[in-house]
Amino acid sequence: MPNRYEREIEEILRNLDHTEPRQGISDRIRAFNRPRQPKPRGIKTPLSRVDIFILLGILLILIGAGIAFTAGDQSLLSGLVAVAGFVLLVLGLAQSWFPRLFGSRSAPVWRGNVVDMRPPRRNPFAMIATRFRIIRLRLRYQKRRDRED
């Protein structure tokens, strides 16, 4: 009986060896000639648009202050650079505060499903009651698991 199983296993292994085509040099050369994936255009930075505006604004303000310090007197160039930096700084701050001040226009979504956001409860005992319900549910599921085992 064991010899029969060994012969079947050997036959299966022999058939597997014959069905797979061997990789020749032409297959390896074709791998080099495959078309490349197109590179994404544009500059990818880890910073958001708000961060870039704020950093550029601070940088321009510092450059304007440096020009005014080295020139000795208030020149028109240092004033214009500092004002441009201030405008960029305010623009970045406004962009970061806009969604918080006016709220988001779309409903909150998690994993493709719209999340129903309920207002917080005003009852001081509501949180304690919620914790108590969670503990009861945990105990109920734990008892079910114990019964199944």
Foldseek 3Di string as FASTA:
>chain_A
DVVVVVVVVVVVVVVVVVVDDDDDPVNVVVVVVDDDDDDDDDDDDPDDPLVVLQVQLVVLLVVLVVVCVVVVHRDPVSVVSNVSSVVSNVVSVCVVCVCVVPPDPDADDDPRHGDDDDDDDPDPCPVVVVVVVVVVVVVVVVVVVVVVD
